Amino acid sequence: MRLRSASASDIAAIAALHVDSWRRNYRGALSDAFLDGPVEEDRVSLWSGRLAVPHDGASTTVAVGDDDALVGLVHTIFDVDERDGALLENLHVVHELKRSGIGTQLMAAAAAASLAHAPNLGIYLTVLEQNTPAQAFYEARGGTRVGAEPWYAPDGGTTTVFRYAWPDPALLL
């Protein structure tokens, strides 16, 4: 497995991984009608907007296997929060490869990108209240739950997410 910067040629594979991850982990937080319907178009639109014209305010790193197939991704948006720093907005790993270290490597890539952009700021993410396996993963990597907030989901609903922060992203390297 190797890490590289995402490009527009990755849009379809990234969107497919994002959709699969949401369908497996977001049932109950997002409506079944959305997850079984327009989620694919929604995610292709999101990633097309992000990767068609990359900019310095964000970084998307993908993990690819020996066959160049996408096995994971992380998307980080810089300068989001004055207190917590960069937002690690998306972290997804192919379901069958979870617990293989890919997520940890992708988080390290996000931390490195964040430190290169703003060495004195932290990094944070939000995770669904119902996603206890992800919460355990983040806590095992030194994340501290610093609050709860609403997430205004793309299906029009609202659910609770927990915010996890790393004041020093170097802890993830």
N, C-alpha and C. Protein backbone atom coordinates (compact mmCIF):
# COMPACT_ATOMS: atom_id res chain seq x y z
N MET A 1 0.84 -1.18 0.00
CA MET A 1 0.00 0.00 0.00
C MET A 1 0.88 1.23 0.00
N ARG A 2 0.44 2.26 -0.73
CA ARG A 2 1.15 3.53 -0.73
C ARG A 2 0.14 4.67 -0.66
N LEU A 3 0.61 5.82 -0.21
CA LEU A 3 -0.21 7.02 -0.12
C LEU A 3 0.21 7.98 -1.22
N ARG A 4 -0.79 8.71 -1.75
CA ARG A 4 -0.51 9.74 -2.75
C ARG A 4 -1.62 10.78 -2.68
N SER A 5 -1.36 11.93 -3.28
CA SER A 5 -2.39 12.97 -3.37
C SER A 5 -3.48 12.51 -4.33
N ALA A 6 -4.71 12.82 -3.99
CA ALA A 6 -5.84 12.48 -4.85
C ALA A 6 -5.84 13.41 -6.05
N SER A 7 -6.43 12.93 -7.14
CA SER A 7 -6.59 13.74 -8.35
C SER A 7 -8.00 13.55 -8.89
N ALA A 8 -8.34 14.32 -9.91
CA ALA A 8 -9.67 14.23 -10.51
C ALA A 8 -9.95 12.82 -11.03
N SER A 9 -8.93 12.08 -11.40
CA SER A 9 -9.15 10.71 -11.89
C SER A 9 -9.62 9.76 -10.78
N ASP A 10 -9.54 10.20 -9.53
CA ASP A 10 -9.97 9.38 -8.39
C ASP A 10 -11.41 9.63 -7.97
N ILE A 11 -12.09 10.58 -8.59
CA ILE A 11 -13.42 11.00 -8.12
C ILE A 11 -14.38 9.82 -7.99
N ALA A 12 -14.51 9.00 -9.02
CA ALA A 12 -15.47 7.89 -8.98
C ALA A 12 -15.14 6.90 -7.87
N ALA A 13 -13.87 6.54 -7.72
CA ALA A 13 -13.49 5.57 -6.69
C ALA A 13 -13.67 6.14 -5.29
N ILE A 14 -13.32 7.41 -5.10
CA ILE A 14 -13.49 8.05 -3.80
C ILE A 14 -14.97 8.12 -3.45
N ALA A 15 -15.79 8.56 -4.39
CA ALA A 15 -17.23 8.66 -4.13
C ALA A 15 -17.81 7.29 -3.80
N ALA A 16 -17.39 6.24 -4.51
CA ALA A 16 -17.90 4.89 -4.25
C ALA A 16 -17.51 4.42 -2.84
N LEU A 17 -16.28 4.69 -2.42
CA LEU A 17 -15.85 4.32 -1.07
C LEU A 17 -16.64 5.10 -0.03
N HIS A 18 -16.83 6.39 -0.26
CA HIS A 18 -17.59 7.23 0.66
C HIS A 18 -19.02 6.71 0.81
N VAL A 19 -19.66 6.38 -0.32
CA VAL A 19 -21.03 5.85 -0.30
C VAL A 19 -21.09 4.54 0.48
N ASP A 20 -20.17 3.62 0.20
CA ASP A 20 -20.17 2.33 0.89
C ASP A 20 -19.99 2.53 2.40
N SER A 21 -19.09 3.42 2.78
CA SER A 21 -18.85 3.69 4.20
C SER A 21 -20.11 4.24 4.86
N TRP A 22 -20.76 5.19 4.21
CA TRP A 22 -21.99 5.75 4.78
C TRP A 22 -23.08 4.71 4.86
N ARG A 23 -23.23 3.90 3.84
CA ARG A 23 -24.28 2.87 3.88
C ARG A 23 -24.05 1.88 5.01
N ARG A 24 -22.82 1.59 5.32
CA ARG A 24 -22.50 0.64 6.40
C ARG A 24 -22.60 1.27 7.79
N ASN A 25 -22.25 2.56 7.90
CA ASN A 25 -22.08 3.16 9.22
C ASN A 25 -23.06 4.28 9.58
N TYR A 26 -23.83 4.77 8.62
CA TYR A 26 -24.68 5.93 8.86
C TYR A 26 -26.17 5.61 8.87
N ARG A 27 -26.53 4.32 8.80
CA ARG A 27 -27.95 3.94 8.91
C ARG A 27 -28.46 4.40 10.27
N GLY A 28 -29.59 5.04 10.26
CA GLY A 28 -30.15 5.58 11.50
C GLY A 28 -29.83 7.05 11.69
N ALA A 29 -28.66 7.47 11.18
CA ALA A 29 -28.31 8.89 11.25
C ALA A 29 -28.78 9.59 9.98
N LEU A 30 -28.67 8.91 8.85
CA LEU A 30 -29.19 9.39 7.58
C LEU A 30 -30.38 8.52 7.20
N SER A 31 -31.31 9.06 6.45
CA SER A 31 -32.50 8.31 6.08
C SER A 31 -32.16 7.19 5.10
N ASP A 32 -32.90 6.09 5.21
CA ASP A 32 -32.73 4.99 4.26
C ASP A 32 -33.02 5.45 2.84
N ALA A 33 -34.00 6.34 2.68
CA ALA A 33 -34.34 6.85 1.35
C ALA A 33 -33.13 7.55 0.72
N PHE A 34 -32.38 8.29 1.51
CA PHE A 34 -31.19 8.97 0.99
C PHE A 34 -30.07 7.97 0.72
N LEU A 35 -29.81 7.09 1.69
CA LEU A 35 -28.72 6.12 1.55
C LEU A 35 -28.95 5.13 0.42
N ASP A 36 -30.21 4.80 0.15
CA ASP A 36 -30.53 3.85 -0.92
C ASP A 36 -30.80 4.54 -2.25
N GLY A 37 -30.72 5.87 -2.25
CA GLY A 37 -31.05 6.61 -3.47
C GLY A 37 -29.99 7.62 -3.84
N PRO A 38 -30.25 8.91 -3.58
CA PRO A 38 -29.41 9.97 -4.13
C PRO A 38 -28.03 10.14 -3.49
N VAL A 39 -27.65 9.29 -2.53
CA VAL A 39 -26.34 9.44 -1.89
C VAL A 39 -25.21 9.32 -2.91
N GLU A 40 -25.36 8.46 -3.91
CA GLU A 40 -24.30 8.30 -4.90
C GLU A 40 -24.08 9.59 -5.69
N GLU A 41 -25.15 10.16 -6.21
CA GLU A 41 -25.06 11.42 -6.95
C GLU A 41 -24.52 12.54 -6.06
N ASP A 42 -24.96 12.56 -4.82
CA ASP A 42 -24.53 13.58 -3.86
C ASP A 42 -23.02 13.51 -3.62
N ARG A 43 -22.50 12.33 -3.41
CA ARG A 43 -21.07 12.16 -3.13
C ARG A 43 -20.22 12.41 -4.38
N VAL A 44 -20.68 12.00 -5.56
CA VAL A 44 -19.95 12.30 -6.80
C VAL A 44 -19.87 13.81 -6.99
N SER A 45 -20.96 14.50 -6.73
CA SER A 45 -20.98 15.95 -6.85
C SER A 45 -20.00 16.59 -5.87
N LEU A 46 -20.01 16.13 -4.62
CA LEU A 46 -19.11 16.66 -3.60
C LEU A 46 -17.65 16.50 -4.03
N TRP A 47 -17.26 15.28 -4.40
CA TRP A 47 -15.86 15.00 -4.73
C TRP A 47 -15.45 15.63 -6.05
N SER A 48 -16.39 15.77 -6.97
CA SER A 48 -16.08 16.47 -8.22
C SER A 48 -15.72 17.92 -7.92
N GLY A 49 -16.49 18.54 -7.05
CA GLY A 49 -16.21 19.92 -6.66
C GLY A 49 -14.88 20.08 -5.95
N ARG A 50 -14.52 19.09 -5.15
CA ARG A 50 -13.28 19.17 -4.40
C ARG A 50 -12.04 18.90 -5.25
N LEU A 51 -12.15 17.95 -6.16
CA LEU A 51 -10.95 17.49 -6.87
C LEU A 51 -10.80 18.00 -8.29
N ALA A 52 -11.86 18.52 -8.87
CA ALA A 52 -11.75 19.03 -10.24
C ALA A 52 -10.82 20.24 -10.29
N VAL A 53 -10.88 21.07 -9.26
CA VAL A 53 -10.01 22.24 -9.16
C VAL A 53 -9.45 22.28 -7.74
N PRO A 54 -8.34 21.57 -7.49
CA PRO A 54 -7.77 21.56 -6.13
C PRO A 54 -7.32 22.96 -5.71
N HIS A 55 -7.29 23.19 -4.40
CA HIS A 55 -6.84 24.48 -3.89
C HIS A 55 -5.99 24.28 -2.64
N ASP A 56 -5.28 25.32 -2.24
CA ASP A 56 -4.34 25.23 -1.12
C ASP A 56 -5.02 25.11 0.23
N GLY A 57 -6.32 25.29 0.31
CA GLY A 57 -7.02 25.26 1.58
C GLY A 57 -7.43 23.88 2.04
N ALA A 58 -7.08 22.85 1.27
CA ALA A 58 -7.47 21.49 1.65
C ALA A 58 -6.47 20.49 1.06
N SER A 59 -6.51 19.30 1.60
CA SER A 59 -5.64 18.23 1.13
C SER A 59 -6.43 16.92 1.14
N THR A 60 -6.34 16.17 0.05
CA THR A 60 -6.96 14.85 -0.01
C THR A 60 -5.87 13.84 -0.36
N THR A 61 -5.71 12.86 0.51
CA THR A 61 -4.72 11.81 0.32
C THR A 61 -5.46 10.50 0.17
N VAL A 62 -5.03 9.68 -0.78
CA VAL A 62 -5.62 8.36 -0.96
C VAL A 62 -4.57 7.30 -0.68
N ALA A 63 -5.05 6.16 -0.21
CA ALA A 63 -4.23 4.96 -0.05
C ALA A 63 -4.61 4.02 -1.18
N VAL A 64 -3.61 3.52 -1.87
CA VAL A 64 -3.85 2.59 -2.97
C VAL A 64 -3.05 1.32 -2.73
N GLY A 65 -3.62 0.20 -3.18
CA GLY A 65 -2.95 -1.08 -3.06
C GLY A 65 -1.95 -1.28 -4.18
N ASP A 66 -1.33 -2.46 -4.18
CA ASP A 66 -0.33 -2.79 -5.20
C ASP A 66 -0.91 -2.74 -6.60
N ASP A 67 -2.20 -2.97 -6.72
CA ASP A 67 -2.87 -2.94 -8.03
C ASP A 67 -3.42 -1.55 -8.36
N ASP A 68 -3.04 -0.55 -7.58
CA ASP A 68 -3.48 0.84 -7.72
C ASP A 68 -4.96 1.06 -7.41
N ALA A 69 -5.62 0.04 -6.84
CA ALA A 69 -7.02 0.22 -6.44
C ALA A 69 -7.07 1.03 -5.14
N LEU A 70 -8.02 1.94 -5.07
CA LEU A 70 -8.20 2.78 -3.89
C LEU A 70 -8.63 1.93 -2.70
N VAL A 71 -7.94 2.08 -1.56
CA VAL A 71 -8.30 1.33 -0.35
C VAL A 71 -8.62 2.25 0.82
N GLY A 72 -8.41 3.56 0.66
CA GLY A 72 -8.73 4.49 1.73
C GLY A 72 -8.50 5.92 1.30
N LEU A 73 -9.04 6.85 2.09
CA LEU A 73 -8.85 8.27 1.80
C LEU A 73 -9.00 9.09 3.06
N VAL A 74 -8.37 10.25 3.03
CA VAL A 74 -8.53 11.24 4.09
C VAL A 74 -8.58 12.62 3.43
N HIS A 75 -9.52 13.44 3.88
CA HIS A 75 -9.66 14.80 3.36
C HIS A 75 -9.56 15.75 4.55
N THR A 76 -8.66 16.71 4.44
CA THR A 76 -8.41 17.67 5.51
C THR A 76 -8.61 19.08 4.97
N ILE A 77 -9.35 19.88 5.72
CA ILE A 77 -9.59 21.27 5.36
C ILE A 77 -8.86 22.14 6.39
N PHE A 78 -7.98 23.00 5.91
CA PHE A 78 -7.15 23.83 6.79
C PHE A 78 -7.90 25.07 7.27
N ASP A 79 -7.44 25.61 8.40
CA ASP A 79 -7.90 26.91 8.92
C ASP A 79 -9.41 26.97 9.12
N VAL A 80 -10.00 25.91 9.64
CA VAL A 80 -11.45 25.88 9.83
C VAL A 80 -11.85 26.49 11.16
N ASP A 81 -11.11 26.18 12.21
CA ASP A 81 -11.53 26.54 13.55
C ASP A 81 -10.39 27.24 14.29
N GLU A 82 -10.66 28.40 14.86
CA GLU A 82 -9.63 29.14 15.57
C GLU A 82 -9.08 28.36 16.77
N ARG A 83 -9.91 27.56 17.41
CA ARG A 83 -9.50 26.81 18.59
C ARG A 83 -8.86 25.48 18.22
N ASP A 84 -9.51 24.73 17.33
CA ASP A 84 -9.07 23.35 17.09
C ASP A 84 -8.31 23.17 15.78
N GLY A 85 -8.24 24.18 14.92
CA GLY A 85 -7.40 24.12 13.74
C GLY A 85 -8.04 23.51 12.51
N ALA A 86 -7.34 22.55 11.90
CA ALA A 86 -7.77 21.93 10.65
C ALA A 86 -8.82 20.86 10.92
N LEU A 87 -9.74 20.73 9.99
CA LEU A 87 -10.80 19.73 10.09
C LEU A 87 -10.44 18.51 9.26
N LEU A 88 -10.27 17.38 9.91
CA LEU A 88 -10.12 16.11 9.22
C LEU A 88 -11.56 15.69 8.91
N GLU A 89 -12.01 16.04 7.71
CA GLU A 89 -13.43 15.93 7.41
C GLU A 89 -13.87 14.54 6.97
N ASN A 90 -13.04 13.85 6.25
CA ASN A 90 -13.41 12.50 5.80
C ASN A 90 -12.25 11.56 6.01
N LEU A 91 -12.53 10.41 6.59
CA LEU A 91 -11.57 9.32 6.72
C LEU A 91 -12.35 8.05 6.45
N HIS A 92 -12.02 7.38 5.36
CA HIS A 92 -12.73 6.15 4.99
C HIS A 92 -11.72 5.11 4.53
N VAL A 93 -11.95 3.87 4.94
CA VAL A 93 -11.12 2.73 4.55
C VAL A 93 -12.05 1.64 4.05
N VAL A 94 -11.63 0.96 2.99
CA VAL A 94 -12.41 -0.16 2.47
C VAL A 94 -12.75 -1.11 3.63
N HIS A 95 -14.01 -1.48 3.72
CA HIS A 95 -14.51 -2.24 4.86
C HIS A 95 -13.67 -3.48 5.17
N GLU A 96 -13.32 -4.24 4.16
CA GLU A 96 -12.58 -5.48 4.35
C GLU A 96 -11.15 -5.26 4.84
N LEU A 97 -10.67 -4.03 4.75
CA LEU A 97 -9.29 -3.74 5.16
C LEU A 97 -9.20 -2.94 6.46
N LYS A 98 -10.34 -2.72 7.10
CA LYS A 98 -10.30 -2.03 8.39
C LYS A 98 -9.47 -2.86 9.37
N ARG A 99 -8.83 -2.17 10.30
CA ARG A 99 -7.99 -2.78 11.32
C ARG A 99 -6.68 -3.31 10.73
N SER A 100 -6.28 -2.74 9.58
CA SER A 100 -5.02 -3.16 8.96
C SER A 100 -3.96 -2.06 9.02
N GLY A 101 -4.27 -0.93 9.66
CA GLY A 101 -3.32 0.16 9.80
C GLY A 101 -3.48 1.27 8.78
N ILE A 102 -4.36 1.09 7.80
CA ILE A 102 -4.53 2.10 6.76
C ILE A 102 -5.08 3.40 7.35
N GLY A 103 -6.09 3.30 8.21
CA GLY A 103 -6.66 4.50 8.82
C GLY A 103 -5.64 5.28 9.63
N THR A 104 -4.79 4.58 10.36
CA THR A 104 -3.75 5.22 11.15
C THR A 104 -2.77 5.95 10.25
N GLN A 105 -2.39 5.33 9.13
CA GLN A 105 -1.46 5.97 8.19
C GLN A 105 -2.11 7.19 7.54
N LEU A 106 -3.39 7.09 7.23
CA LEU A 106 -4.08 8.24 6.62
C LEU A 106 -4.21 9.39 7.62
N MET A 107 -4.45 9.07 8.88
CA MET A 107 -4.51 10.14 9.89
C MET A 107 -3.15 10.81 10.03
N ALA A 108 -2.07 10.04 9.94
CA ALA A 108 -0.73 10.61 10.00
C ALA A 108 -0.49 11.53 8.81
N ALA A 109 -0.99 11.16 7.64
CA ALA A 109 -0.85 12.01 6.46
C ALA A 109 -1.62 13.32 6.65
N ALA A 110 -2.80 13.24 7.23
CA ALA A 110 -3.58 14.45 7.51
C ALA A 110 -2.86 15.34 8.51
N ALA A 111 -2.28 14.73 9.53
CA ALA A 111 -1.54 15.50 10.53
C ALA A 111 -0.32 16.17 9.90
N ALA A 112 0.39 15.46 9.05
CA ALA A 112 1.57 16.03 8.39
C ALA A 112 1.17 17.21 7.51
N ALA A 113 0.09 17.06 6.77
CA ALA A 113 -0.39 18.15 5.91
C ALA A 113 -0.80 19.35 6.75
N SER A 114 -1.47 19.09 7.85
CA SER A 114 -1.91 20.17 8.73
C SER A 114 -0.71 20.91 9.33
N LEU A 115 0.28 20.15 9.79
CA LEU A 115 1.47 20.77 10.38
C LEU A 115 2.25 21.58 9.34
N ALA A 116 2.31 21.08 8.11
CA ALA A 116 3.01 21.82 7.05
C ALA A 116 2.29 23.13 6.73
N HIS A 117 0.97 23.11 6.84
CA HIS A 117 0.18 24.30 6.53
C HIS A 117 0.22 25.31 7.67
N ALA A 118 0.03 24.82 8.89
CA ALA A 118 -0.03 25.72 10.07
C ALA A 118 0.55 24.98 11.27
N PRO A 119 1.86 25.08 11.49
CA PRO A 119 2.53 24.29 12.52
C PRO A 119 2.04 24.51 13.95
N ASN A 120 1.37 25.62 14.21
CA ASN A 120 0.95 25.93 15.58
C ASN A 120 -0.51 25.64 15.85
N LEU A 121 -1.21 25.01 14.90
CA LEU A 121 -2.62 24.71 15.09
C LEU A 121 -2.84 23.20 15.22
N GLY A 122 -3.94 22.86 15.84
CA GLY A 122 -4.30 21.46 16.03
C GLY A 122 -5.07 20.91 14.84
N ILE A 123 -5.64 19.75 15.07
CA ILE A 123 -6.48 19.09 14.09
C ILE A 123 -7.66 18.47 14.85
N TYR A 124 -8.81 18.42 14.20
CA TYR A 124 -9.97 17.84 14.85
C TYR A 124 -10.86 17.18 13.82
N LEU A 125 -11.84 16.44 14.31
CA LEU A 125 -12.84 15.80 13.46
C LEU A 125 -14.12 15.65 14.24
N THR A 126 -15.19 15.31 13.53
CA THR A 126 -16.44 14.98 14.21
C THR A 126 -16.82 13.57 13.80
N VAL A 127 -17.49 12.88 14.72
CA VAL A 127 -17.88 11.50 14.50
C VAL A 127 -19.29 11.32 15.04
N LEU A 128 -20.09 10.55 14.32
CA LEU A 128 -21.46 10.31 14.75
C LEU A 128 -21.51 9.74 16.17
N GLU A 129 -22.47 10.20 16.93
CA GLU A 129 -22.69 9.70 18.29
C GLU A 129 -22.87 8.19 18.28
N GLN A 130 -23.52 7.65 17.26
CA GLN A 130 -23.78 6.21 17.20
C GLN A 130 -22.57 5.39 16.75
N ASN A 131 -21.53 6.03 16.23
CA ASN A 131 -20.40 5.31 15.67
C ASN A 131 -19.34 5.06 16.74
N THR A 132 -19.66 4.18 17.67
CA THR A 132 -18.75 3.90 18.79
C THR A 132 -17.45 3.23 18.36
N PRO A 133 -17.43 2.38 17.31
CA PRO A 133 -16.12 1.84 16.89
C PRO A 133 -15.16 2.94 16.43
N ALA A 134 -15.66 3.92 15.70
CA ALA A 134 -14.81 5.02 15.26
C ALA A 134 -14.33 5.84 16.45
N GLN A 135 -15.21 6.07 17.42
CA GLN A 135 -14.81 6.82 18.61
C GLN A 135 -13.67 6.10 19.33
N ALA A 136 -13.76 4.79 19.45
CA ALA A 136 -12.69 4.02 20.09
C ALA A 136 -11.39 4.14 19.30
N PHE A 137 -11.49 4.11 17.98
CA PHE A 137 -10.31 4.26 17.11
C PHE A 137 -9.64 5.61 17.37
N TYR A 138 -10.41 6.69 17.41
CA TYR A 138 -9.84 8.02 17.62
C TYR A 138 -9.26 8.17 19.02
N GLU A 139 -9.92 7.62 20.01
CA GLU A 139 -9.40 7.69 21.38
C GLU A 139 -8.10 6.91 21.50
N ALA A 140 -8.00 5.77 20.81
CA ALA A 140 -6.76 4.98 20.84
C ALA A 140 -5.60 5.72 20.19
N ARG A 141 -5.91 6.71 19.36
CA ARG A 141 -4.88 7.51 18.70
C ARG A 141 -4.69 8.86 19.38
N GLY A 142 -5.13 8.96 20.63
CA GLY A 142 -4.87 10.15 21.43
C GLY A 142 -5.87 11.26 21.30
N GLY A 143 -6.97 11.05 20.57
CA GLY A 143 -7.99 12.08 20.43
C GLY A 143 -8.75 12.28 21.73
N THR A 144 -9.10 13.51 22.00
CA THR A 144 -9.88 13.85 23.19
C THR A 144 -11.23 14.38 22.75
N ARG A 145 -12.30 13.80 23.31
CA ARG A 145 -13.64 14.31 23.01
C ARG A 145 -13.78 15.66 23.70
N VAL A 146 -14.04 16.70 22.91
CA VAL A 146 -14.11 18.05 23.46
C VAL A 146 -15.50 18.65 23.38
N GLY A 147 -16.48 17.89 22.90
CA GLY A 147 -17.82 18.42 22.85
C GLY A 147 -18.72 17.63 21.93
N ALA A 148 -19.97 18.08 21.89
CA ALA A 148 -20.97 17.51 20.99
C ALA A 148 -21.63 18.66 20.26
N GLU A 149 -22.06 18.40 19.03
CA GLU A 149 -22.69 19.45 18.23
C GLU A 149 -23.65 18.81 17.24
N PRO A 150 -24.55 19.59 16.68
CA PRO A 150 -25.45 19.04 15.67
C PRO A 150 -24.74 18.91 14.33
N TRP A 151 -25.13 17.91 13.56
CA TRP A 151 -24.68 17.77 12.18
C TRP A 151 -25.91 17.88 11.31
N TYR A 152 -25.89 18.87 10.43
CA TYR A 152 -26.98 19.08 9.49
C TYR A 152 -26.67 18.26 8.25
N ALA A 153 -27.25 17.08 8.20
CA ALA A 153 -26.91 16.07 7.21
C ALA A 153 -27.43 16.43 5.82
N PRO A 154 -26.80 15.87 4.78
CA PRO A 154 -27.22 16.18 3.42
C PRO A 154 -28.60 15.66 3.04
N ASP A 155 -29.18 14.81 3.87
CA ASP A 155 -30.55 14.34 3.59
C ASP A 155 -31.60 15.26 4.21
N GLY A 156 -31.14 16.35 4.85
CA GLY A 156 -32.06 17.30 5.47
C GLY A 156 -32.29 17.06 6.95
N GLY A 157 -31.78 15.95 7.48
CA GLY A 157 -31.94 15.64 8.90
C GLY A 157 -30.84 16.26 9.74
N THR A 158 -30.99 16.10 11.04
CA THR A 158 -29.99 16.57 11.99
C THR A 158 -29.72 15.45 12.98
N THR A 159 -28.46 15.26 13.29
CA THR A 159 -28.08 14.26 14.29
C THR A 159 -26.91 14.82 15.09
N THR A 160 -26.55 14.14 16.15
CA THR A 160 -25.47 14.59 17.02
C THR A 160 -24.15 13.95 16.62
N VAL A 161 -23.10 14.79 16.61
CA VAL A 161 -21.74 14.31 16.41
C VAL A 161 -20.90 14.75 17.60
N PHE A 162 -19.88 13.95 17.88
CA PHE A 162 -18.90 14.31 18.90
C PHE A 162 -17.67 14.88 18.21
N ARG A 163 -17.09 15.90 18.82
CA ARG A 163 -15.85 16.48 18.29
C ARG A 163 -14.67 15.89 19.06
N TYR A 164 -13.69 15.40 18.29
CA TYR A 164 -12.44 14.90 18.84
C TYR A 164 -11.32 15.80 18.36
N ALA A 165 -10.40 16.16 19.26
CA ALA A 165 -9.33 17.09 18.91
C ALA A 165 -7.96 16.56 19.33
N TRP A 166 -6.98 16.98 18.55
CA TRP A 166 -5.57 16.75 18.82
C TRP A 166 -4.90 18.12 18.77
N PRO A 167 -4.68 18.78 19.94
CA PRO A 167 -4.04 20.10 19.92
C PRO A 167 -2.66 20.07 19.27
N ASP A 168 -1.98 18.94 19.36
CA ASP A 168 -0.69 18.77 18.72
C ASP A 168 -0.79 17.63 17.71
N PRO A 169 -0.99 17.94 16.43
CA PRO A 169 -1.14 16.90 15.42
C PRO A 169 0.07 15.97 15.31
N ALA A 170 1.23 16.42 15.81
CA ALA A 170 2.43 15.58 15.75
C ALA A 170 2.22 14.26 16.49
N LEU A 171 1.27 14.21 17.41
CA LEU A 171 0.97 12.96 18.12
C LEU A 171 0.48 11.88 17.18
N LEU A 172 -0.02 12.28 16.01
CA LEU A 172 -0.54 11.31 15.04
C LEU A 172 0.53 10.81 14.06
N LEU A 173 1.71 11.41 14.11
CA LEU A 173 2.76 11.02 13.16
C LEU A 173 3.42 9.72 13.57
